[in-house]
Amino acid sequence: MHADEIAAALLELGSATLGESGAAPLAPRIRAIWPGARLAAQAYPVSCVPGDNLAVHVAVTRAPRGSALVVDVGEERERGFWGEVLTVAAKARELAGLVIDGGVRDTDALAQHRFPVFASGVVLRGASKKGPGSAGMPARVGEVRVQRGDWVVGDADGVAIVPFAALERVLTAARARAAREQQLFAELRAGRTTVDLLELDPAQVETD
């Protein structure tokens, strides 16, 4: 499949289904910064030293068009590592979005730019720009190892990483899960219950 077709398929399936089908969910603290943000792109990993975002600035100049920065900021997450200036720069370079296990700011502007950003918080205090750091090298973000070329999928439920080598396997499993859920929905509408369909044991629950 072409990259655009892969991205569309991943977005349609969503992070929750993918996360139950072999993709690696990032820590739940990493959430969409503005309502409706959605992202499916190949990852360009970035690692920063605590309190510094020089590597992010460099990554914006080096990441391939259409990719998303996936950033580890180290132990000091309470900084605004990204804002409107970097958003404008990233859009000019035709990057797809940002996933960062750290703080961002200028959230209204990010929403107005419609630039997908997933972060662990909103923080006013800025970061230094002295380095060191790395860009394009493997990184551990939100407790998940991310390599360049892996697929990152973000939506209202969270963010998941689909390793490049596992893409076809995860897509197949996710499509099968989605099909099973559609069948489940149909049976629920017909009057069956989740207790029956999922073969649950109601005897384990005390009722009045």
Protein backbone atom coordinates (compact mmCIF):
# COMPACT_ATOMS: atom_id res chain seq x y z
CA MET A 1 0.00 0.00 0.00
CA HIS A 2 0.99 3.60 -0.56
CA ALA A 3 1.78 5.66 2.54
CA ASP A 4 -1.44 7.67 2.16
CA GLU A 5 -3.47 4.46 2.04
CA ILE A 6 -1.71 3.12 5.13
CA ALA A 7 -2.36 6.35 7.02
CA ALA A 8 -6.04 6.30 6.06
CA ALA A 9 -6.41 2.67 7.15
CA LEU A 10 -4.72 3.33 10.49
CA LEU A 11 -6.88 6.39 11.17
CA GLU A 12 -10.05 4.48 10.35
CA LEU A 13 -9.14 1.68 12.74
CA GLY A 14 -8.09 4.09 15.50
CA SER A 15 -5.57 3.93 18.31
CA ALA A 16 -7.77 1.85 20.65
CA THR A 17 -8.36 -0.97 18.17
CA LEU A 18 -4.73 -0.90 17.06
CA GLY A 19 -3.58 -0.94 20.68
CA GLU A 20 -5.55 -4.17 21.20
CA SER A 21 -4.15 -5.68 18.00
CA GLY A 22 -0.38 -5.60 18.45
CA ALA A 23 0.44 -1.90 18.40
CA ALA A 24 2.15 -0.45 21.47
CA PRO A 25 0.05 2.12 23.40
CA LEU A 26 1.99 5.10 24.69
CA ALA A 27 1.55 6.13 28.31
CA PRO A 28 -1.98 7.50 28.79
CA ARG A 29 -0.63 10.85 29.97
CA ILE A 30 0.09 11.66 26.31
CA ARG A 31 -3.16 13.09 24.97
CA ALA A 32 -4.48 15.25 22.14
CA ILE A 33 -3.88 18.92 22.94
CA TRP A 34 -6.88 20.17 20.98
CA PRO A 35 -10.22 18.43 20.34
CA GLY A 36 -10.37 16.55 17.07
CA ALA A 37 -6.63 16.19 16.57
CA ARG A 38 -5.84 13.04 14.59
CA LEU A 39 -2.53 11.75 13.32
CA ALA A 40 -1.22 8.78 11.35
CA ALA A 41 2.32 9.14 10.02
CA GLN A 42 5.73 7.56 10.08
CA ALA A 43 7.72 8.47 13.16
CA TYR A 44 10.88 10.54 13.32
CA PRO A 45 12.19 9.95 16.87
CA VAL A 46 13.83 12.73 18.87
CA SER A 47 15.60 12.66 22.24
CA CYS A 48 16.27 15.79 24.31
CA VAL A 49 18.30 16.32 27.44
CA PRO A 50 16.23 17.49 30.42
CA GLY A 51 14.89 21.01 30.06
CA ASP A 52 16.25 21.53 26.54
CA ASN A 53 14.66 21.40 23.07
CA LEU A 54 17.58 22.01 20.69
CA ALA A 55 17.09 18.51 19.25
CA VAL A 56 13.47 19.37 18.44
CA HIS A 57 14.52 22.45 16.47
CA VAL A 58 17.08 20.37 14.56
CA ALA A 59 14.55 17.59 13.94
CA VAL A 60 12.14 20.02 12.27
CA THR A 61 14.86 20.75 9.70
CA ARG A 62 15.79 17.08 9.18
CA ALA A 63 12.58 15.04 9.39
CA PRO A 64 11.16 13.79 6.07
CA ARG A 65 8.10 15.51 4.66
CA GLY A 66 4.93 13.83 5.94
CA SER A 67 6.56 12.36 9.03
CA ALA A 68 5.69 13.12 12.66
CA LEU A 69 8.15 14.00 15.39
CA VAL A 70 7.96 11.59 18.34
CA VAL A 71 9.88 13.19 21.18
CA ASP A 72 11.33 12.09 24.50
CA VAL A 73 12.33 15.04 26.72
CA GLY A 74 13.90 13.08 29.56
CA GLU A 75 12.93 13.39 33.20
CA GLU A 76 11.95 17.06 33.15
CA ARG A 77 8.60 17.15 31.39
CA GLU A 78 7.35 20.39 32.96
CA ARG A 79 8.55 22.75 30.23
CA GLY A 80 6.94 24.17 27.14
CA PHE A 81 9.07 22.35 24.57
CA TRP A 82 6.81 23.27 21.63
CA GLY A 83 4.62 26.21 20.67
CA GLU A 84 3.38 28.26 17.75
CA VAL A 85 6.83 29.16 16.39
CA LEU A 86 7.81 25.51 15.98
CA THR A 87 4.35 24.71 14.64
CA VAL A 88 4.71 27.27 11.84
CA ALA A 89 8.19 25.93 11.12
CA ALA A 90 6.94 22.33 11.03
CA LYS A 91 4.03 23.17 8.73
CA ALA A 92 6.40 24.98 6.37
CA ARG A 93 8.44 21.75 6.22
CA GLU A 94 5.21 19.76 5.63
CA LEU A 95 5.52 17.66 8.76
CA ALA A 96 2.42 15.76 9.82
CA GLY A 97 2.34 16.34 13.56
CA LEU A 98 3.98 15.98 16.96
CA VAL A 99 3.89 13.44 19.77
CA ILE A 100 5.88 14.51 22.82
CA ASP A 101 6.18 13.12 26.32
CA GLY A 102 6.49 16.63 27.69
CA GLY A 103 4.78 19.99 27.80
CA VAL A 104 3.65 22.30 25.02
CA ARG A 105 2.10 25.77 24.97
CA ASP A 106 0.22 28.17 22.65
CA THR A 107 -2.55 25.59 22.49
CA ASP A 108 -5.16 27.90 20.96
CA ALA A 109 -2.74 28.70 18.15
CA LEU A 110 -1.97 25.01 17.64
CA ALA A 111 -5.68 24.35 17.25
CA GLN A 112 -6.08 27.24 14.81
CA HIS A 113 -3.22 25.86 12.72
CA ARG A 114 -4.92 22.41 12.81
CA PHE A 115 -1.53 20.91 13.55
CA PRO A 116 -1.97 17.58 15.38
CA VAL A 117 -0.16 17.66 18.72
CA PHE A 118 -0.23 15.00 21.41
CA ALA A 119 1.58 15.84 24.64
CA SER A 120 1.68 15.02 28.34
CA GLY A 121 0.71 18.52 29.43
CA VAL A 122 0.47 22.25 28.85
CA VAL A 123 3.31 24.22 30.43
CA LEU A 124 4.18 27.92 30.28
CA ARG A 125 7.87 27.80 31.16
CA GLY A 126 10.09 27.45 28.09
CA ALA A 127 13.11 25.24 27.39
CA SER A 128 16.77 26.02 26.79
CA LYS A 129 18.31 25.42 23.36
CA LYS A 130 21.85 24.27 24.04
CA GLY A 131 21.67 20.50 23.56
CA PRO A 132 22.89 17.87 23.24
CA GLY A 133 20.28 15.44 21.95
CA SER A 134 19.52 13.22 18.98
CA ALA A 135 17.23 13.30 15.95
CA GLY A 136 16.30 10.33 13.80
CA MET A 137 17.80 7.85 16.26
CA PRO A 138 15.72 5.33 18.25
CA ALA A 139 14.08 6.84 21.33
CA ARG A 140 11.93 5.67 24.20
CA VAL A 141 8.78 7.81 24.32
CA GLY A 142 5.91 7.24 26.72
CA GLU A 143 7.45 3.90 27.80
CA VAL A 144 7.60 2.65 24.20
CA ARG A 145 10.66 2.24 22.00
CA VAL A 146 10.21 4.15 18.74
CA GLN A 147 12.34 3.77 15.63
CA ARG A 148 12.41 5.88 12.52
CA GLY A 149 9.79 4.62 10.09
CA ASP A 150 7.47 3.12 12.70
CA TRP A 151 3.88 4.32 12.35
CA VAL A 152 2.41 6.59 15.02
CA VAL A 153 -1.37 6.86 15.34
CA GLY A 154 -3.06 9.42 17.59
CA ASP A 155 -6.68 10.35 18.18
CA ALA A 156 -9.07 11.13 21.03
CA ASP A 157 -8.30 7.81 22.75
CA GLY A 158 -4.53 8.21 22.89
CA VAL A 159 -1.45 7.32 20.87
CA ALA A 160 -0.15 3.96 19.63
CA ILE A 161 3.02 2.93 17.84
CA VAL A 162 2.90 0.34 15.07
CA PRO A 163 6.41 -1.03 14.45
CA PHE A 164 7.26 -0.87 10.77
CA ALA A 165 8.12 -4.59 10.68
CA ALA A 166 4.75 -5.48 12.23
CA LEU A 167 2.56 -3.22 10.10
CA GLU A 168 0.81 -5.90 8.02
CA ARG A 169 0.29 -8.17 11.01
CA VAL A 170 -1.20 -5.37 13.10
CA LEU A 171 -3.45 -4.18 10.27
CA THR A 172 -4.76 -7.70 9.72
CA ALA A 173 -5.45 -8.23 13.42
CA ALA A 174 -7.06 -4.80 13.81
CA ARG A 175 -9.36 -5.31 10.83
CA ALA A 176 -10.44 -8.67 12.21
CA ARG A 177 -11.14 -7.12 15.61
CA ALA A 178 -13.14 -4.29 14.03
CA ALA A 179 -15.21 -6.81 12.07
CA ARG A 180 -15.93 -8.81 15.24
CA GLU A 181 -17.05 -5.65 17.00
CA GLN A 182 -19.45 -4.79 14.18
CA GLN A 183 -21.00 -8.25 14.56
CA LEU A 184 -21.18 -7.70 18.31
CA PHE A 185 -22.99 -4.41 17.82
CA ALA A 186 -25.55 -6.06 15.56
CA GLU A 187 -26.26 -8.79 18.11
CA LEU A 188 -26.56 -6.29 20.96
CA ARG A 189 -29.09 -4.28 18.96
CA ALA A 190 -31.00 -7.51 18.39
CA GLY A 191 -31.42 -7.98 22.13
CA ARG A 192 -28.49 -10.09 23.27
CA THR A 193 -26.25 -8.98 26.15
CA THR A 194 -22.53 -8.56 26.62
CA VAL A 195 -22.72 -11.15 29.42
CA ASP A 196 -23.92 -13.75 26.91
CA LEU A 197 -21.81 -12.71 23.96
CA LEU A 198 -18.57 -12.47 25.92
CA GLU A 199 -19.34 -15.60 27.95
CA LEU A 200 -19.01 -13.77 31.26
CA ASP A 201 -19.85 -15.29 34.63
CA PRO A 202 -22.54 -13.21 36.38
CA ALA A 203 -22.31 -15.47 39.44
CA GLN A 204 -19.13 -13.61 40.41
CA VAL A 205 -21.13 -10.39 40.99
CA GLU A 206 -23.37 -9.95 44.04
CA THR A 207 -26.71 -8.40 43.14
CA ASP A 208 -29.82 -7.44 45.10
